[in-house]
Protein backbone atom coordinates (compact mmCIF):
# COMPACT_ATOMS: atom_id res chain seq x y z
CA MET A 1 16.67 36.36 -12.00
CA SER A 2 19.40 35.68 -14.51
CA ASN A 3 20.38 39.35 -14.43
CA LEU A 4 21.81 38.87 -10.96
CA TYR A 5 24.98 37.35 -12.36
CA GLU A 6 25.29 38.80 -15.85
CA GLY A 7 27.01 42.15 -15.63
CA SER A 8 26.06 42.53 -12.00
CA SER A 9 27.70 45.29 -10.00
CA PHE A 10 26.92 43.70 -6.65
CA PRO A 11 29.82 43.28 -4.24
CA ALA A 12 31.16 39.78 -3.75
CA ASN A 13 29.60 39.41 -0.30
CA ILE A 14 26.12 40.32 -1.58
CA THR A 15 26.46 37.93 -4.51
CA SER A 16 27.55 35.16 -2.17
CA ARG A 17 24.58 35.90 0.10
CA ILE A 18 22.20 35.68 -2.86
CA GLU A 19 23.69 32.34 -3.86
CA GLN A 20 23.29 31.07 -0.31
CA ASN A 21 19.65 32.19 -0.19
CA ILE A 22 18.97 30.43 -3.47
CA LEU A 23 20.53 27.23 -2.19
CA VAL A 24 18.59 27.36 1.07
CA SER A 25 15.33 28.07 -0.79
CA ARG A 26 15.86 25.11 -3.12
CA ILE A 27 16.66 22.76 -0.25
CA LEU A 28 13.62 24.02 1.68
CA ALA A 29 11.42 23.50 -1.38
CA LEU A 30 12.71 19.95 -1.80
CA VAL A 31 12.13 19.14 1.88
CA LEU A 32 8.59 20.54 1.79
CA GLU A 33 7.81 18.71 -1.42
CA SER A 34 9.10 15.42 -0.01
CA THR A 35 7.03 15.90 3.16
CA PHE A 36 3.82 16.65 1.29
CA PHE A 37 4.46 13.74 -1.06
CA GLY A 38 4.75 11.43 1.95
CA ILE A 39 1.40 12.71 3.20
CA PHE A 40 -0.02 12.18 -0.27
CA ILE A 41 1.20 8.55 -0.27
CA VAL A 42 -0.72 7.86 2.95
CA ALA A 43 -3.86 9.65 1.73
CA TYR A 44 -3.71 7.93 -1.66
CA SER A 45 -3.32 4.48 -0.06
CA MET A 46 -6.29 5.09 2.23
CA ALA A 47 -8.41 6.37 -0.66
CA ALA A 48 -7.52 3.38 -2.84
CA GLY A 49 -8.41 1.01 0.00
CA GLU A 50 -11.77 2.68 0.57
CA LEU A 51 -12.66 2.95 -3.12
CA LEU A 52 -11.69 -0.62 -4.04
CA ARG A 53 -12.59 -2.43 -0.84
CA GLY A 54 -13.83 -5.89 -1.80
CA TYR A 55 -13.50 -4.98 -5.47
CA ARG A 56 -15.98 -6.77 -7.71
CA PRO A 57 -17.33 -5.48 -11.02
CA SER A 58 -20.90 -5.98 -9.80
CA ARG A 59 -20.39 -4.28 -6.43
CA THR A 60 -17.93 -1.43 -7.03
CA THR A 61 -19.74 1.59 -8.39
CA ARG A 62 -18.60 3.32 -11.53
CA ARG A 63 -18.07 6.53 -9.60
CA ASN A 64 -15.55 4.86 -7.28
CA VAL A 65 -13.62 3.44 -10.24
CA ILE A 66 -13.46 6.88 -11.88
CA LEU A 67 -12.32 8.47 -8.63
CA PHE A 68 -9.62 5.84 -8.25
CA GLY A 69 -8.42 6.47 -11.82
CA VAL A 70 -8.27 10.25 -11.37
CA ASN A 71 -6.57 9.88 -8.01
CA THR A 72 -3.99 7.54 -9.55
CA LEU A 73 -3.36 10.06 -12.33
CA MET A 74 -2.75 12.80 -9.76
CA PHE A 75 -0.42 10.52 -7.83
CA GLY A 76 1.56 9.81 -10.99
CA LEU A 77 1.84 13.52 -11.80
CA ALA A 78 2.96 14.31 -8.25
CA MET A 79 5.58 11.55 -8.40
CA THR A 80 6.82 12.91 -11.74
CA HIS A 81 7.03 16.38 -10.22
CA LEU A 82 9.09 15.14 -7.27
CA THR A 83 11.34 13.03 -9.50
CA ARG A 84 12.15 15.98 -11.74
CA SER A 85 12.80 18.22 -8.73
CA VAL A 86 15.21 15.73 -7.16
CA ASN A 87 16.95 15.09 -10.47
CA ASP A 88 17.41 18.78 -11.24
CA THR A 89 18.63 19.54 -7.74
CA LEU A 90 21.24 16.79 -7.92
CA ASP A 91 22.39 17.86 -11.37
CA LEU A 92 22.64 21.59 -10.69
CA PHE A 93 23.81 21.61 -7.09
CA VAL A 94 25.91 18.45 -6.88
CA ALA A 95 27.16 17.68 -10.38
CA ASP A 96 27.49 21.33 -11.48
CA GLY A 97 27.75 22.93 -8.08
CA ALA A 98 30.94 24.77 -8.97
CA ASP A 99 29.26 26.54 -11.88
CA LYS A 100 27.53 29.70 -10.67
CA GLU A 101 25.53 29.95 -13.87
CA SER A 102 23.55 26.88 -12.86
CA LEU A 103 21.98 28.71 -9.92
CA PRO A 104 20.08 31.39 -11.87
CA GLN A 105 19.27 28.77 -14.49
CA LEU A 106 17.54 26.66 -11.86
CA PHE A 107 15.23 29.49 -10.83
CA SER A 108 14.62 31.04 -14.23
CA LEU A 109 10.86 31.02 -14.87
CA ASN A 110 11.43 30.50 -18.59
CA TRP A 111 13.55 27.40 -18.13
CA ALA A 112 12.17 24.23 -19.74
CA THR A 113 12.04 22.19 -16.53
CA ASN A 114 10.16 24.87 -14.62
CA ILE A 115 7.68 25.12 -17.48
CA GLU A 116 7.14 21.37 -17.28
CA LEU A 117 6.62 21.51 -13.51
CA PHE A 118 4.18 24.40 -13.93
CA TYR A 119 2.18 22.41 -16.48
CA ILE A 120 2.01 19.46 -14.07
CA TYR A 121 0.50 21.80 -11.49
CA VAL A 122 -1.98 23.21 -14.02
CA THR A 123 -3.02 19.69 -15.10
CA GLN A 124 -3.70 18.63 -11.52
CA ALA A 125 -5.65 21.82 -10.88
CA PHE A 126 -7.67 21.14 -14.04
CA GLY A 127 -8.55 17.65 -12.77
CA GLY A 128 -9.57 19.00 -9.37
CA ASP A 129 -11.75 21.69 -10.96
CA ALA A 130 -13.43 19.09 -13.19
CA PHE A 131 -14.30 17.01 -10.13
CA ILE A 132 -15.72 20.06 -8.33
CA ILE A 133 -17.87 20.79 -11.39
CA TYR A 134 -19.19 17.22 -11.20
CA ARG A 135 -20.11 17.75 -7.55
CA LEU A 136 -21.84 21.03 -8.38
CA PHE A 137 -23.80 19.26 -11.10
CA VAL A 138 -24.94 16.58 -8.64
CA VAL A 139 -26.04 19.14 -6.05
CA TRP A 140 -27.20 22.16 -8.04
CA LYS A 141 -27.59 20.80 -11.61
CA VAL A 142 -25.33 23.64 -12.77
CA VAL A 143 -22.67 22.81 -15.33
CA VAL A 144 -22.52 25.50 -18.06
CA LEU A 145 -21.08 28.46 -16.16
CA PRO A 146 -18.58 26.42 -14.10
CA SER A 147 -17.39 24.67 -17.27
CA ILE A 148 -16.85 28.00 -19.04
CA LEU A 149 -14.86 29.33 -16.07
CA MET A 150 -12.80 26.15 -15.86
CA LEU A 151 -11.95 26.01 -19.58
CA THR A 152 -11.12 29.72 -19.71
CA ASN A 153 -8.90 29.53 -16.66
CA ALA A 154 -7.19 26.36 -17.94
CA GLY A 155 -6.52 27.98 -21.32
CA VAL A 156 -4.98 31.05 -19.68
CA ASP A 157 -2.83 28.89 -17.41
CA TYR A 158 -1.56 26.70 -20.24
CA ALA A 159 -0.75 29.76 -22.37
CA PHE A 160 0.92 31.67 -19.53
CA MET A 161 4.41 30.32 -20.18
CA LEU A 162 4.07 30.73 -23.96
CA VAL A 163 2.51 34.19 -24.31
CA GLU A 164 4.55 36.99 -22.79
CA ALA A 165 1.62 39.42 -22.86
CA LEU A 166 -0.20 37.49 -20.15
CA ASN A 167 0.28 39.00 -16.73
CA SER A 168 0.23 37.10 -13.47
CA LEU A 169 -2.66 39.30 -12.33
CA ILE A 170 -4.81 37.86 -15.13
CA ILE A 171 -4.23 34.38 -13.77
CA PHE A 172 -4.88 35.59 -10.24
CA ASN A 173 -8.19 37.22 -11.15
CA GLY A 174 -9.37 34.22 -13.18
CA THR A 175 -8.43 31.72 -10.49
CA SER A 176 -9.96 33.85 -7.75
CA LEU A 177 -13.28 34.25 -9.58
CA GLU A 178 -13.46 30.53 -10.30
CA ASN A 179 -12.58 29.45 -6.77
CA VAL A 180 -14.95 31.94 -5.12
CA PHE A 181 -17.79 30.59 -7.26
CA TYR A 182 -16.93 26.97 -6.45
CA THR A 183 -16.50 27.66 -2.74
CA ALA A 184 -19.79 29.53 -2.38
CA LEU A 185 -21.82 26.81 -4.08
CA THR A 186 -20.03 24.01 -2.21
CA ILE A 187 -20.48 25.55 1.24
CA TRP A 188 -24.15 26.40 0.65
CA SER A 189 -24.91 22.97 -0.78
CA PRO A 190 -26.74 20.36 1.30
CA PRO A 191 -24.66 17.43 2.59
CA VAL A 192 -25.46 15.05 -0.25
CA TRP A 193 -22.83 12.45 0.60
CA SER A 194 -23.02 12.78 4.38
CA GLU A 195 -25.02 10.39 6.46
CA PRO A 196 -27.59 11.84 8.91
CA HIS A 197 -26.30 12.40 12.42
CA LEU A 198 -28.14 11.98 15.70
CA TYR A 199 -27.39 14.82 18.07
CA LEU A 200 -27.41 13.12 21.46
CA SER A 201 -25.86 16.00 23.39
CA ARG A 202 -24.68 19.56 23.03
CA ALA A 203 -21.06 18.38 22.80
CA CYS A 204 -21.94 15.94 20.03
CA PHE A 205 -23.83 18.66 18.19
CA SER A 206 -20.85 21.02 18.41
CA LEU A 207 -18.48 18.29 17.23
CA VAL A 208 -20.65 17.50 14.22
CA ARG A 209 -21.08 21.20 13.45
CA TYR A 210 -17.33 21.84 13.47
CA ARG A 211 -16.78 18.65 11.51
CA ARG A 212 -19.10 19.91 8.78
CA VAL A 213 -17.23 23.21 8.68
CA ILE A 214 -13.93 21.37 8.23
CA GLU A 215 -15.47 19.12 5.58
CA ALA A 216 -16.81 22.17 3.73
CA ILE A 217 -13.37 23.76 3.74
CA LEU A 218 -11.73 20.58 2.46
CA GLN A 219 -14.37 19.90 -0.19
CA SER A 220 -14.39 23.47 -1.46
CA ALA A 221 -11.55 25.33 -3.11
CA GLU A 222 -10.48 27.27 -0.02
CA ILE A 223 -7.14 25.51 0.54
CA TYR A 224 -6.37 25.41 -3.16
CA TRP A 225 -7.33 29.08 -3.43
CA THR A 226 -4.92 29.98 -0.62
CA ALA A 227 -2.12 28.07 -2.34
CA SER A 228 -2.92 29.78 -5.64
CA ILE A 229 -2.82 33.21 -3.99
CA SER A 230 0.58 32.47 -2.47
CA LEU A 231 1.87 31.19 -5.80
CA THR A 232 0.61 34.22 -7.70
CA VAL A 233 1.90 36.73 -5.14
CA MET A 234 5.38 35.22 -5.28
CA LEU A 235 5.25 35.30 -9.06
CA PHE A 236 4.02 38.91 -9.11
CA LEU A 237 6.74 40.05 -6.70
CA GLY A 238 9.39 38.40 -8.85
CA SER A 239 10.64 36.18 -6.03
CA SER A 240 11.65 33.17 -8.10
CA SER A 241 13.00 31.15 -5.17
CA TYR A 242 9.79 31.40 -3.13
CA TYR A 243 7.75 30.84 -6.26
CA ILE A 244 9.50 27.50 -6.77
CA SER A 245 8.85 26.63 -3.10
CA CYS A 246 5.12 27.29 -3.49
CA LEU A 247 5.02 25.47 -6.81
CA ALA A 248 6.79 22.46 -5.28
CA ILE A 249 4.05 21.72 -2.74
CA SER A 250 1.00 22.67 -4.83
CA PRO A 251 0.63 19.37 -6.80
CA HIS A 252 0.92 17.28 -3.65
CA LEU A 253 -1.48 19.53 -1.74
CA ILE A 254 -4.08 19.17 -4.50
CA GLY A 255 -3.60 15.40 -4.45
CA VAL A 256 -4.04 15.19 -0.67
CA ILE A 257 -7.28 17.18 -0.78
CA PHE A 258 -8.63 15.06 -3.63
CA SER A 259 -7.74 11.85 -1.75
CA LEU A 260 -9.52 13.06 1.41
CA ILE A 261 -12.64 13.86 -0.59
CA SER A 262 -12.48 10.42 -2.24
CA ILE A 263 -12.24 8.76 1.18
CA GLN A 264 -15.33 10.59 2.41
CA ILE A 265 -17.33 9.74 -0.70
CA ALA A 266 -16.32 6.07 -0.52
CA ARG A 267 -17.25 5.78 3.15
CA ALA A 268 -20.58 7.52 2.62
CA SER A 269 -21.49 5.23 -0.28
CA SER A 270 -20.47 2.12 1.66
CA ALA A 271 -22.55 3.27 4.65
CA GLN A 272 -25.62 3.58 2.44
CA GLY A 273 -25.09 0.03 1.20
CA ASN A 274 -25.34 -1.56 -2.21
CA PRO A 275 -28.40 -3.38 -3.53
CA SER A 276 -26.37 -6.52 -3.98
CA ASP A 277 -25.36 -6.45 -0.32
CA GLU A 278 -28.97 -6.01 0.76
CA SER A 279 -30.14 -8.92 -1.40
CA ARG A 280 -27.31 -11.08 -0.11
CA ALA A 281 -28.04 -10.33 3.54
CA ARG A 282 -31.74 -11.13 3.57
CA PRO A 283 -33.37 -11.53 6.98
CA LEU A 284 -34.47 -14.96 8.10
CA PRO A 285 -38.18 -15.71 7.60
CA LYS A 286 -40.33 -15.21 10.64
CA VAL A 287 -41.94 -18.30 12.11
CA SER A 288 -45.65 -17.84 12.64
CA PRO A 289 -47.53 -19.58 15.47
CA SER A 290 -49.27 -21.83 12.93
CA HIS A 291 -45.93 -23.47 12.15
CA VAL A 292 -45.55 -24.75 15.72
CA PRO A 293 -46.26 -28.49 15.89
CA ASN A 294 -49.69 -29.33 17.29
CA GLN A 295 -48.26 -32.35 19.11
CA LEU A 296 -46.29 -30.18 21.53
CA PRO A 297 -48.92 -30.26 24.35
CA GLU A 298 -49.25 -34.06 24.04
CA LEU A 299 -45.50 -34.51 24.23
CA LEU A 300 -45.31 -32.37 27.33
CA SER A 301 -48.15 -34.27 29.02
CA GLY A 302 -46.54 -37.62 28.21
CA ARG A 303 -43.25 -36.40 29.66
CA GLU A 304 -44.97 -35.41 32.88
CA GLY A 305 -46.45 -38.91 33.14
CA VAL A 306 -43.04 -40.48 32.81
CA LEU A 307 -41.63 -38.24 35.52
């Protein structure tokens, strides 16, 4: 990307058009990132409310506390990502807008800020993969192979910006293999955290069936896989501007999906009820006929005599 301006033989109008495309791409990336971050704020607030509703150490499960902690970590990483994007955009387009060298510097894949943003994305993806492995362990009792795939893929992703020999196709193949494995096991798994439904009509059955399809897509790695494919294709084609646009929304998209899964898990666990709630809401003792006073017939007869 930096070769566009150093010793370039492009005419002035083509160079100006490239600069304009870069500026539009950066503004579009910032708008998309801000929009997805706003969605993430709403999803995170709802997830925190569901996970910590009526928080008490004796009532809130350990799983909900861990989910809240991981979700908060993802929210912090997404906020850091947005803060750095806004700061860099203001510095390079507003403060140093007259300097044309700042434009290729902004979209250089080897620039320190872009490396930091890429590592934020990889860290969030690592957290999401770890949670999916936990779900696979709960459903299928499988943890060795998914853990090997996750650690291998995470190592390749973290070393991508440091080792020049690594190709983007290696990351694409590793991510694709991992996500296909996760998606297949998640879709074929029984609904562990879903409450049983009563199909009262054909319309209700269809609604529940489509709802389970949507839940399977959200809980699996389908959306994340699609985002990873887009990110890798832009990187492979050398389109730095569109790569930054895809990278800008990826952390927030991962956070939104994780928050939606946390909301579903929290609602399913609250629907099942806690033992403490059951012990607190004990039914009233039934009154047997032997507890009825024997003097009731005499009282009634005496009342009739008075009348």
